[in-house]
């Protein structure tokens, strides 16, 4: 089998570029958008110079899987990830099939709320660091005696600002309400918690613990819809259930593996980023693929 080509950036001259994120290149395909997920990987809000083979394919396939699974709970921006359907709208895209197939998603255009909706079900990451200092997570007071990786009594909603570059900033619910209004804040909080709890229950049956995740929501007409990526190894912390042991850090299926390596080498988290060793890149691809296979029960097939 040939080694997969790593896609760090796309150039589709037939389409107008709508924007580039840390991982996604977004094009206009009126009246919709075409979201192309590259193999770029970011850590500590810096885009690394190395890509992760098949990462874009895995993120696209996992998001499509969840959008379909959750459609009875919430509408979303997802239309299709089938390239044959996408190129019917623009036959010229056939010339870019090797790049676009398997990593493209046709989505509804919507107005994205300028907040990240983070749900935490376990004590981990920056929440754990804060709790050790103050007994709080994002300003929410929690009971004493919680250990690292402990399951919380109830998932907590901890929004943040949405930074296009640099670091997102944790905010409280009151600040979120000032930004987008109380009515929308309440809907986004309730839906985020509901989606997390539904997904957590499903993933647990497949051997994966979703420790925490972040959602983005948008407005399409009068509807509030789930947008961007959803419940992927980039937007979530995935732990293997069979290795879970509270009281310490957990092995993971997500890019925490890359973060851990960068912590070990004591990178100062400022550009330029260090190069990743081949072994770290290969292992990261394997973790992304395993996450997809565990969740869906099938190996990744690019269509």
C-alpha atoms as a PDB file:
ATOM      1  CA  UNK A   1       0.000   0.000   0.000  1.00  0.00           C
ATOM      2  CA  UNK A   2       1.291   3.484  -0.929  1.00  0.00           C
ATOM      3  CA  UNK A   3       1.987   5.928   1.841  1.00  0.00           C
ATOM      4  CA  UNK A   4      -0.859   8.481   2.042  1.00  0.00           C
ATOM      5  CA  UNK A   5      -0.045  11.973   0.804  1.00  0.00           C
ATOM      6  CA  UNK A   6       0.066  14.540   3.588  1.00  0.00           C
ATOM      7  CA  UNK A   7      -2.102  17.573   2.745  1.00  0.00           C
ATOM      8  CA  UNK A   8      -1.006  20.698   4.593  1.00  0.00           C
ATOM      9  CA  UNK A   9      -2.830  23.239   2.444  1.00  0.00           C
ATOM     10  CA  UNK A  10      -5.271  23.098  -0.427  1.00  0.00           C
ATOM     11  CA  UNK A  11      -5.529  25.313  -3.488  1.00  0.00           C
ATOM     12  CA  UNK A  12      -8.798  25.029  -5.402  1.00  0.00           C
ATOM     13  CA  UNK A  13      -8.785  27.912  -7.940  1.00  0.00           C
ATOM     14  CA  UNK A  14     -12.273  26.986  -9.173  1.00  0.00           C
ATOM     15  CA  UNK A  15     -13.706  27.974  -5.776  1.00  0.00           C
ATOM     16  CA  UNK A  16     -13.498  31.200  -3.781  1.00  0.00           C
ATOM     17  CA  UNK A  17     -11.639  30.765  -0.494  1.00  0.00           C
ATOM     18  CA  UNK A  18     -13.952  31.594   2.415  1.00  0.00           C
ATOM     19  CA  UNK A  19     -11.325  31.195   5.119  1.00  0.00           C
ATOM     20  CA  UNK A  20      -8.566  29.041   6.609  1.00  0.00           C
ATOM     21  CA  UNK A  21      -8.594  27.785  10.174  1.00  0.00           C
ATOM     22  CA  UNK A  22      -5.953  25.929  12.125  1.00  0.00           C
ATOM     23  CA  UNK A  23      -6.899  22.694  10.376  1.00  0.00           C
ATOM     24  CA  UNK A  24      -9.626  23.447   7.806  1.00  0.00           C
ATOM     25  CA  UNK A  25      -9.655  25.240   4.472  1.00  0.00           C
ATOM     26  CA  UNK A  26     -13.156  26.507   3.695  1.00  0.00           C
ATOM     27  CA  UNK A  27     -14.426  27.369   0.213  1.00  0.00           C
ATOM     28  CA  UNK A  28     -17.633  28.860  -1.119  1.00  0.00           C
ATOM     29  CA  UNK A  29     -19.782  26.440  -3.105  1.00  0.00           C
ATOM     30  CA  UNK A  30     -22.958  28.532  -3.317  1.00  0.00           C
ATOM     31  CA  UNK A  31     -25.312  28.423  -1.585  1.00  0.00           C
ATOM     32  CA  UNK A  32     -23.217  26.194   0.687  1.00  0.00           C
ATOM     33  CA  UNK A  33     -19.640  25.896   1.909  1.00  0.00           C
ATOM     34  CA  UNK A  34     -17.082  23.183   1.216  1.00  0.00           C
ATOM     35  CA  UNK A  35     -15.041  22.355   4.308  1.00  0.00           C
ATOM     36  CA  UNK A  36     -11.752  20.625   3.486  1.00  0.00           C
ATOM     37  CA  UNK A  37      -9.964  19.125   6.471  1.00  0.00           C
ATOM     38  CA  UNK A  38      -6.200  19.098   6.008  1.00  0.00           C
ATOM     39  CA  UNK A  39      -3.608  17.033   7.861  1.00  0.00           C
ATOM     40  CA  UNK A  40      -2.388  20.064   9.765  1.00  0.00           C
ATOM     41  CA  UNK A  41      -2.145  19.604  13.505  1.00  0.00           C
ATOM     42  CA  UNK A  42      -2.035  22.320  16.143  1.00  0.00           C
ATOM     43  CA  UNK A  43      -0.875  22.069  19.721  1.00  0.00           C
ATOM     44  CA  UNK A  44      -1.077  24.792  22.339  1.00  0.00           C
ATOM     45  CA  UNK A  45      -2.709  26.945  19.613  1.00  0.00           C
ATOM     46  CA  UNK A  46       0.331  26.758  17.323  1.00  0.00           C
ATOM     47  CA  UNK A  47       0.120  24.979  13.963  1.00  0.00           C
ATOM     48  CA  UNK A  48       2.964  22.468  13.776  1.00  0.00           C
ATOM     49  CA  UNK A  49       5.157  22.203  10.688  1.00  0.00           C
ATOM     50  CA  UNK A  50       4.509  18.464  10.305  1.00  0.00           C
ATOM     51  CA  UNK A  51       1.214  17.000   9.176  1.00  0.00           C
ATOM     52  CA  UNK A  52      -0.345  13.742  10.371  1.00  0.00           C
ATOM     53  CA  UNK A  53      -1.136  11.348   7.470  1.00  0.00           C
ATOM     54  CA  UNK A  54      -4.883  10.563   7.118  1.00  0.00           C
ATOM     55  CA  UNK A  55      -5.785  12.948   9.948  1.00  0.00           C
ATOM     56  CA  UNK A  56      -8.048  15.023   7.713  1.00  0.00           C
ATOM     57  CA  UNK A  57      -9.795  11.893   6.465  1.00  0.00           C
ATOM     58  CA  UNK A  58     -10.391  10.612   9.991  1.00  0.00           C
ATOM     59  CA  UNK A  59     -11.716  13.948  11.277  1.00  0.00           C
ATOM     60  CA  UNK A  60     -14.088  14.264   8.316  1.00  0.00           C
ATOM     61  CA  UNK A  61     -15.372  10.700   8.686  1.00  0.00           C
ATOM     62  CA  UNK A  62     -15.826  10.943  12.473  1.00  0.00           C
ATOM     63  CA  UNK A  63     -17.692  14.255  12.207  1.00  0.00           C
ATOM     64  CA  UNK A  64     -19.958  12.854   9.474  1.00  0.00           C
ATOM     65  CA  UNK A  65     -20.616   9.794  11.641  1.00  0.00           C
ATOM     66  CA  UNK A  66     -21.649  11.898  14.648  1.00  0.00           C
ATOM     67  CA  UNK A  67     -23.725  14.381  12.637  1.00  0.00           C
ATOM     68  CA  UNK A  68     -25.730  11.443  11.293  1.00  0.00           C
ATOM     69  CA  UNK A  69     -26.004   9.737  14.694  1.00  0.00           C
ATOM     70  CA  UNK A  70     -27.129  12.909  16.485  1.00  0.00           C
ATOM     71  CA  UNK A  71     -29.589  14.223  13.886  1.00  0.00           C
ATOM     72  CA  UNK A  72     -32.598  13.287  16.029  1.00  0.00           C
ATOM     73  CA  UNK A  73     -31.172  15.396  18.873  1.00  0.00           C
ATOM     74  CA  UNK A  74     -30.055  18.469  16.972  1.00  0.00           C
ATOM     75  CA  UNK A  75     -29.974  19.777  13.415  1.00  0.00           C
ATOM     76  CA  UNK A  76     -26.500  20.475  12.041  1.00  0.00           C
ATOM     77  CA  UNK A  77     -24.777  22.143   9.112  1.00  0.00           C
ATOM     78  CA  UNK A  78     -23.810  18.765   7.609  1.00  0.00           C
ATOM     79  CA  UNK A  79     -25.121  17.921   4.127  1.00  0.00           C
ATOM     80  CA  UNK A  80     -22.796  15.220   2.740  1.00  0.00           C
ATOM     81  CA  UNK A  81     -19.213  13.960   2.785  1.00  0.00           C
ATOM     82  CA  UNK A  82     -19.667  11.865  -0.376  1.00  0.00           C
ATOM     83  CA  UNK A  83     -17.373  13.349  -3.015  1.00  0.00           C
ATOM     84  CA  UNK A  84     -19.466  12.000  -5.890  1.00  0.00           C
ATOM     85  CA  UNK A  85     -22.398  14.033  -4.576  1.00  0.00           C
ATOM     86  CA  UNK A  86     -20.231  17.113  -4.003  1.00  0.00           C
ATOM     87  CA  UNK A  87     -18.774  17.182  -7.506  1.00  0.00           C
ATOM     88  CA  UNK A  88     -22.245  17.086  -9.050  1.00  0.00           C
ATOM     89  CA  UNK A  89     -22.546  20.688  -7.867  1.00  0.00           C
ATOM     90  CA  UNK A  90     -19.230  21.630  -9.458  1.00  0.00           C
ATOM     91  CA  UNK A  91     -17.926  19.049 -11.981  1.00  0.00           C
ATOM     92  CA  UNK A  92     -14.604  20.916 -12.230  1.00  0.00           C
ATOM     93  CA  UNK A  93     -13.769  19.632  -8.745  1.00  0.00           C
ATOM     94  CA  UNK A  94     -13.074  16.227 -10.308  1.00  0.00           C
ATOM     95  CA  UNK A  95      -9.621  17.597 -11.194  1.00  0.00           C
ATOM     96  CA  UNK A  96      -8.865  17.819  -7.448  1.00  0.00           C
ATOM     97  CA  UNK A  97     -10.291  14.442  -6.474  1.00  0.00           C
ATOM     98  CA  UNK A  98      -7.034  13.055  -5.069  1.00  0.00           C
ATOM     99  CA  UNK A  99      -6.919  15.940  -2.572  1.00  0.00           C
ATOM    100  CA  UNK A 100     -10.613  16.417  -1.862  1.00  0.00           C
ATOM    101  CA  UNK A 101     -11.982  12.874  -1.738  1.00  0.00           C
ATOM    102  CA  UNK A 102     -12.406  11.673   1.835  1.00  0.00           C
ATOM    103  CA  UNK A 103     -11.569  14.996   3.473  1.00  0.00           C
ATOM    104  CA  UNK A 104     -14.348  17.252   2.143  1.00  0.00           C
ATOM    105  CA  UNK A 105     -17.724  18.022   3.629  1.00  0.00           C
ATOM    106  CA  UNK A 106     -20.527  20.047   2.072  1.00  0.00           C
ATOM    107  CA  UNK A 107     -22.215  22.139   4.767  1.00  0.00           C
ATOM    108  CA  UNK A 108     -24.895  24.782   5.148  1.00  0.00           C
ATOM    109  CA  UNK A 109     -23.609  28.295   5.499  1.00  0.00           C
ATOM    110  CA  UNK A 110     -24.508  29.651   8.930  1.00  0.00           C
ATOM    111  CA  UNK A 111     -23.607  32.442  11.310  1.00  0.00           C
ATOM    112  CA  UNK A 112     -21.262  30.948  13.898  1.00  0.00           C
ATOM    113  CA  UNK A 113     -21.676  32.068  17.508  1.00  0.00           C
ATOM    114  CA  UNK A 114     -18.362  33.590  18.706  1.00  0.00           C
ATOM    115  CA  UNK A 115     -17.991  31.202  21.671  1.00  0.00           C
ATOM    116  CA  UNK A 116     -16.668  27.684  22.168  1.00  0.00           C
ATOM    117  CA  UNK A 117     -19.104  25.481  24.093  1.00  0.00           C
ATOM    118  CA  UNK A 118     -16.915  23.229  26.237  1.00  0.00           C
ATOM    119  CA  UNK A 119     -18.379  20.347  28.236  1.00  0.00           C
ATOM    120  CA  UNK A 120     -16.224  18.539  30.810  1.00  0.00           C
ATOM    121  CA  UNK A 121     -17.244  15.181  32.229  1.00  0.00           C
ATOM    122  CA  UNK A 122     -13.943  14.296  33.912  1.00  0.00           C
ATOM    123  CA  UNK A 123     -11.180  16.115  35.741  1.00  0.00           C
ATOM    124  CA  UNK A 124      -8.404  16.643  33.212  1.00  0.00           C
ATOM    125  CA  UNK A 125      -6.208  19.145  31.394  1.00  0.00           C
ATOM    126  CA  UNK A 126      -6.379  22.812  32.323  1.00  0.00           C
ATOM    127  CA  UNK A 127      -9.400  22.062  34.536  1.00  0.00           C
ATOM    128  CA  UNK A 128      -7.303  19.767  36.700  1.00  0.00           C
ATOM    129  CA  UNK A 129      -4.526  22.372  36.966  1.00  0.00           C
ATOM    130  CA  UNK A 130      -7.006  25.024  38.071  1.00  0.00           C
ATOM    131  CA  UNK A 131      -8.773  22.710  40.514  1.00  0.00           C
ATOM    132  CA  UNK A 132      -5.490  21.890  42.262  1.00  0.00           C
ATOM    133  CA  UNK A 133      -4.901  25.592  42.856  1.00  0.00           C
ATOM    134  CA  UNK A 134      -8.356  26.868  43.721  1.00  0.00           C
ATOM    135  CA  UNK A 135     -10.886  24.022  43.910  1.00  0.00           C
ATOM    136  CA  UNK A 136     -12.628  25.433  40.844  1.00  0.00           C
ATOM    137  CA  UNK A 137     -12.822  24.637  37.123  1.00  0.00           C
ATOM    138  CA  UNK A 138     -13.335  27.722  34.950  1.00  0.00           C
ATOM    139  CA  UNK A 139     -14.588  29.469  38.066  1.00  0.00           C
ATOM    140  CA  UNK A 140     -17.118  26.750  38.964  1.00  0.00           C
ATOM    141  CA  UNK A 141     -16.641  25.619  42.574  1.00  0.00           C
ATOM    142  CA  UNK A 142     -16.427  21.835  42.890  1.00  0.00           C
ATOM    143  CA  UNK A 143     -16.384  19.556  45.933  1.00  0.00           C
ATOM    144  CA  UNK A 144     -13.113  18.730  47.677  1.00  0.00           C
ATOM    145  CA  UNK A 145     -11.173  15.528  47.132  1.00  0.00           C
ATOM    146  CA  UNK A 146     -11.543  15.074  43.365  1.00  0.00           C
ATOM    147  CA  UNK A 147      -8.561  13.258  41.839  1.00  0.00           C
ATOM    148  CA  UNK A 148      -7.047  13.658  38.399  1.00  0.00           C
ATOM    149  CA  UNK A 149      -9.200  11.925  35.739  1.00  0.00           C
ATOM    150  CA  UNK A 150     -12.104  11.406  38.181  1.00  0.00           C
ATOM    151  CA  UNK A 151     -15.567  11.354  36.638  1.00  0.00           C
ATOM    152  CA  UNK A 152     -17.468  14.438  37.773  1.00  0.00           C
ATOM    153  CA  UNK A 153     -20.834  13.975  39.491  1.00  0.00           C
ATOM    154  CA  UNK A 154     -22.407  15.858  36.563  1.00  0.00           C
ATOM    155  CA  UNK A 155     -20.823  17.224  33.380  1.00  0.00           C
ATOM    156  CA  UNK A 156     -20.070  20.937  33.616  1.00  0.00           C
ATOM    157  CA  UNK A 157     -20.408  23.617  30.935  1.00  0.00           C
ATOM    158  CA  UNK A 158     -17.341  25.849  30.659  1.00  0.00           C
ATOM    159  CA  UNK A 159     -17.477  28.176  27.651  1.00  0.00           C
ATOM    160  CA  UNK A 160     -14.561  30.068  26.170  1.00  0.00           C
ATOM    161  CA  UNK A 161     -13.983  32.798  23.640  1.00  0.00           C
ATOM    162  CA  UNK A 162     -13.276  31.644  20.097  1.00  0.00           C
ATOM    163  CA  UNK A 163      -9.855  32.842  19.016  1.00  0.00           C
ATOM    164  CA  UNK A 164      -8.972  32.742  15.307  1.00  0.00           C
ATOM    165  CA  UNK A 165      -5.326  32.803  16.374  1.00  0.00           C
ATOM    166  CA  UNK A 166      -3.648  32.494  19.753  1.00  0.00           C
ATOM    167  CA  UNK A 167      -5.341  31.135  22.844  1.00  0.00           C
ATOM    168  CA  UNK A 168      -9.030  30.790  23.587  1.00  0.00           C
ATOM    169  CA  UNK A 169      -9.930  32.424  26.888  1.00  0.00           C
ATOM    170  CA  UNK A 170     -12.111  30.658  29.459  1.00  0.00           C
ATOM    171  CA  UNK A 171     -15.172  32.699  30.366  1.00  0.00           C
ATOM    172  CA  UNK A 172     -18.104  32.161  32.709  1.00  0.00           C
ATOM    173  CA  UNK A 173     -21.738  31.774  31.712  1.00  0.00           C
ATOM    174  CA  UNK A 174     -22.486  35.389  32.632  1.00  0.00           C
ATOM    175  CA  UNK A 175     -19.790  36.654  30.260  1.00  0.00           C
ATOM    176  CA  UNK A 176     -21.103  34.340  27.532  1.00  0.00           C
ATOM    177  CA  UNK A 177     -24.575  35.833  28.030  1.00  0.00           C
ATOM    178  CA  UNK A 178     -23.128  39.321  27.587  1.00  0.00           C
ATOM    179  CA  UNK A 179     -21.539  38.251  24.300  1.00  0.00           C
ATOM    180  CA  UNK A 180     -24.415  36.353  22.648  1.00  0.00           C
ATOM    181  CA  UNK A 181     -27.403  37.035  24.882  1.00  0.00           C
ATOM    182  CA  UNK A 182     -29.091  35.046  27.650  1.00  0.00           C
ATOM    183  CA  UNK A 183     -31.607  33.326  25.371  1.00  0.00           C
ATOM    184  CA  UNK A 184     -28.987  31.867  23.048  1.00  0.00           C
ATOM    185  CA  UNK A 185     -26.587  31.073  25.899  1.00  0.00           C
ATOM    186  CA  UNK A 186     -29.232  28.942  27.618  1.00  0.00           C
ATOM    187  CA  UNK A 187     -30.017  27.024  24.412  1.00  0.00           C
ATOM    188  CA  UNK A 188     -26.333  26.427  23.619  1.00  0.00           C
ATOM    189  CA  UNK A 189     -25.585  25.237  27.153  1.00  0.00           C
ATOM    190  CA  UNK A 190     -28.550  22.849  27.277  1.00  0.00           C
ATOM    191  CA  UNK A 191     -27.885  21.421  23.812  1.00  0.00           C
ATOM    192  CA  UNK A 192     -24.152  21.058  24.431  1.00  0.00           C
ATOM    193  CA  UNK A 193     -24.769  19.102  27.633  1.00  0.00           C
ATOM    194  CA  UNK A 194     -27.398  16.932  25.930  1.00  0.00           C
ATOM    195  CA  UNK A 195     -25.151  16.124  22.950  1.00  0.00           C
ATOM    196  CA  UNK A 196     -22.198  15.359  25.236  1.00  0.00           C
ATOM    197  CA  UNK A 197     -24.215  13.022  27.455  1.00  0.00           C
ATOM    198  CA  UNK A 198     -25.680  11.187  24.445  1.00  0.00           C
ATOM    199  CA  UNK A 199     -22.272  10.824  22.801  1.00  0.00           C
ATOM    200  CA  UNK A 200     -20.562   9.839  26.059  1.00  0.00           C
ATOM    201  CA  UNK A 201     -23.055   7.020  26.608  1.00  0.00           C
ATOM    202  CA  UNK A 202     -22.642   5.777  23.028  1.00  0.00           C
ATOM    203  CA  UNK A 203     -18.840   5.952  23.043  1.00  0.00           C
ATOM    204  CA  UNK A 204     -18.610   4.174  26.396  1.00  0.00           C
ATOM    205  CA  UNK A 205     -20.326   1.153  24.841  1.00  0.00           C
ATOM    206  CA  UNK A 206     -17.607   1.215  22.152  1.00  0.00           C
ATOM    207  CA  UNK A 207     -14.770   1.294  24.670  1.00  0.00           C
ATOM    208  CA  UNK A 208     -14.047   5.033  24.569  1.00  0.00           C
ATOM    209  CA  UNK A 209     -14.453   7.573  27.378  1.00  0.00           C
ATOM    210  CA  UNK A 210     -15.098  11.102  26.123  1.00  0.00           C
ATOM    211  CA  UNK A 211     -13.503  13.099  28.927  1.00  0.00           C
ATOM    212  CA  UNK A 212     -14.377  16.506  27.514  1.00  0.00           C
ATOM    213  CA  UNK A 213     -15.220  18.137  24.218  1.00  0.00           C
ATOM    214  CA  UNK A 214     -15.985  21.463  22.615  1.00  0.00           C
ATOM    215  CA  UNK A 215     -18.820  22.344  20.267  1.00  0.00           C
ATOM    216  CA  UNK A 216     -19.498  25.183  17.890  1.00  0.00           C
ATOM    217  CA  UNK A 217     -23.009  26.289  17.076  1.00  0.00           C
ATOM    218  CA  UNK A 218     -24.423  28.516  14.379  1.00  0.00           C
ATOM    219  CA  UNK A 219     -27.620  30.241  13.299  1.00  0.00           C
ATOM    220  CA  UNK A 220     -29.243  29.250  10.023  1.00  0.00           C
ATOM    221  CA  UNK A 221     -32.394  31.307   9.586  1.00  0.00           C
ATOM    222  CA  UNK A 222     -34.322  30.760  12.808  1.00  0.00           C
ATOM    223  CA  UNK A 223     -32.575  27.458  13.564  1.00  0.00           C
ATOM    224  CA  UNK A 224     -29.645  26.917  15.894  1.00  0.00           C
ATOM    225  CA  UNK A 225     -27.494  24.167  14.403  1.00  0.00           C
ATOM    226  CA  UNK A 226     -24.415  22.188  15.367  1.00  0.00           C
ATOM    227  CA  UNK A 227     -21.471  23.264  13.210  1.00  0.00           C
ATOM    228  CA  UNK A 228     -17.745  22.872  12.497  1.00  0.00           C
ATOM    229  CA  UNK A 229     -16.379  19.464  13.579  1.00  0.00           C
ATOM    230  CA  UNK A 230     -18.030  17.405  16.278  1.00  0.00           C
ATOM    231  CA  UNK A 231     -16.667  14.917  18.831  1.00  0.00           C
ATOM    232  CA  UNK A 232     -13.391  14.272  16.999  1.00  0.00           C
ATOM    233  CA  UNK A 233      -9.957  13.511  18.466  1.00  0.00           C
ATOM    234  CA  UNK A 234      -9.105  17.179  17.776  1.00  0.00           C
ATOM    235  CA  UNK A 235     -12.070  18.687  19.602  1.00  0.00           C
ATOM    236  CA  UNK A 236     -12.299  16.095  22.393  1.00  0.00           C
ATOM    237  CA  UNK A 237     -10.239  14.124  24.858  1.00  0.00           C
ATOM    238  CA  UNK A 238     -10.765  10.408  24.108  1.00  0.00           C
ATOM    239  CA  UNK A 239      -9.548   7.779  26.603  1.00  0.00           C
ATOM    240  CA  UNK A 240      -9.553   3.982  26.207  1.00  0.00           C
ATOM    241  CA  UNK A 241     -12.114   2.622  28.676  1.00  0.00           C
ATOM    242  CA  UNK A 242     -10.157  -0.601  29.292  1.00  0.00           C
ATOM    243  CA  UNK A 243      -7.107   1.364  30.512  1.00  0.00           C
ATOM    244  CA  UNK A 244      -8.976   3.962  32.568  1.00  0.00           C
ATOM    245  CA  UNK A 245      -7.696   4.414  36.094  1.00  0.00           C
ATOM    246  CA  UNK A 246      -8.594   7.532  38.074  1.00  0.00           C
ATOM    247  CA  UNK A 247      -5.885   9.318  40.025  1.00  0.00           C
ATOM    248  CA  UNK A 248      -3.461   9.882  37.157  1.00  0.00           C
ATOM    249  CA  UNK A 249      -3.262  11.012  33.538  1.00  0.00           C
ATOM    250  CA  UNK A 250      -4.773   8.697  30.921  1.00  0.00           C
ATOM    251  CA  UNK A 251      -3.505   7.343  27.609  1.00  0.00           C
ATOM    252  CA  UNK A 252      -5.532   8.861  24.802  1.00  0.00           C
ATOM    253  CA  UNK A 253      -6.660   8.528  21.189  1.00  0.00           C
ATOM    254  CA  UNK A 254      -6.403  12.236  20.533  1.00  0.00           C
ATOM    255  CA  UNK A 255      -3.673  14.764  19.929  1.00  0.00           C
ATOM    256  CA  UNK A 256      -2.870  14.776  23.646  1.00  0.00           C
ATOM    257  CA  UNK A 257      -0.219  12.250  22.572  1.00  0.00           C
ATOM    258  CA  UNK A 258       1.488  15.019  20.571  1.00  0.00           C
ATOM    259  CA  UNK A 259       1.015  17.547  23.388  1.00  0.00           C
ATOM    260  CA  UNK A 260       2.631  15.134  25.845  1.00  0.00           C
ATOM    261  CA  UNK A 261       5.667  14.752  23.567  1.00  0.00           C
ATOM    262  CA  UNK A 262       6.012  18.533  23.276  1.00  0.00           C
ATOM    263  CA  UNK A 263       5.806  18.858  27.075  1.00  0.00           C
ATOM    264  CA  UNK A 264       8.527  16.234  27.500  1.00  0.00           C
ATOM    265  CA  UNK A 265      10.929  18.128  25.212  1.00  0.00           C
ATOM    266  CA  UNK A 266      10.024  21.337  27.113  1.00  0.00           C
ATOM    267  CA  UNK A 267       8.985  23.359  24.055  1.00  0.00           C
ATOM    268  CA  UNK A 268       8.104  26.912  25.151  1.00  0.00           C
ATOM    269  CA  UNK A 269       4.822  26.765  23.140  1.00  0.00           C
ATOM    270  CA  UNK A 270       5.796  29.710  20.952  1.00  0.00           C
ATOM    271  CA  UNK A 271       6.505  29.630  17.205  1.00  0.00           C
ATOM    272  CA  UNK A 272       8.442  28.223  15.511  1.00  0.00           C
ATOM    273  CA  UNK A 273       7.317  24.739  16.583  1.00  0.00           C
ATOM    274  CA  UNK A 274       9.792  21.840  16.746  1.00  0.00           C
ATOM    275  CA  UNK A 275       9.693  19.072  14.141  1.00  0.00           C
ATOM    276  CA  UNK A 276       7.924  15.890  15.196  1.00  0.00           C
ATOM    277  CA  UNK A 277       9.870  12.611  15.053  1.00  0.00           C
ATOM    278  CA  UNK A 278       8.605  10.067  12.509  1.00  0.00           C
ATOM    279  CA  UNK A 279       7.670   7.663  15.302  1.00  0.00           C
ATOM    280  CA  UNK A 280       5.404  10.280  16.946  1.00  0.00           C
ATOM    281  CA  UNK A 281       3.742  11.065  13.596  1.00  0.00           C
ATOM    282  CA  UNK A 282       3.139   7.378  12.830  1.00  0.00           C
ATOM    283  CA  UNK A 283       1.755   6.637  16.297  1.00  0.00           C
ATOM    284  CA  UNK A 284      -0.564   9.651  16.094  1.00  0.00           C
ATOM    285  CA  UNK A 285      -2.020   8.424  12.788  1.00  0.00           C
ATOM    286  CA  UNK A 286      -2.591   5.013  14.376  1.00  0.00           C
ATOM    287  CA  UNK A 287      -4.411   6.603  17.338  1.00  0.00           C
ATOM    288  CA  UNK A 288      -6.715   8.626  15.072  1.00  0.00           C
ATOM    289  CA  UNK A 289      -7.527   5.539  12.982  1.00  0.00           C
ATOM    290  CA  UNK A 290      -8.195   3.429  16.084  1.00  0.00           C
ATOM    291  CA  UNK A 291     -10.566   6.070  17.457  1.00  0.00           C
ATOM    292  CA  UNK A 292     -12.593   5.943  14.234  1.00  0.00           C
ATOM    293  CA  UNK A 293     -12.647   2.142  14.151  1.00  0.00           C
ATOM    294  CA  UNK A 294     -13.709   1.834  17.783  1.00  0.00           C
ATOM    295  CA  UNK A 295     -16.495   4.379  17.436  1.00  0.00           C
ATOM    296  CA  UNK A 296     -17.929   3.068  14.178  1.00  0.00           C
ATOM    297  CA  UNK A 297     -16.947  -0.591  14.312  1.00  0.00           C
ATOM    298  CA  UNK A 298     -15.483  -0.314  10.805  1.00  0.00           C
ATOM    299  CA  UNK A 299     -12.087   0.453   9.279  1.00  0.00           C
ATOM    300  CA  UNK A 300     -11.806   3.829   7.563  1.00  0.00           C
ATOM    301  CA  UNK A 301     -13.013   3.730   3.947  1.00  0.00           C
ATOM    302  CA  UNK A 302     -12.553   6.882   1.896  1.00  0.00           C
ATOM    303  CA  UNK A 303     -15.529   7.690  -0.325  1.00  0.00           C
END
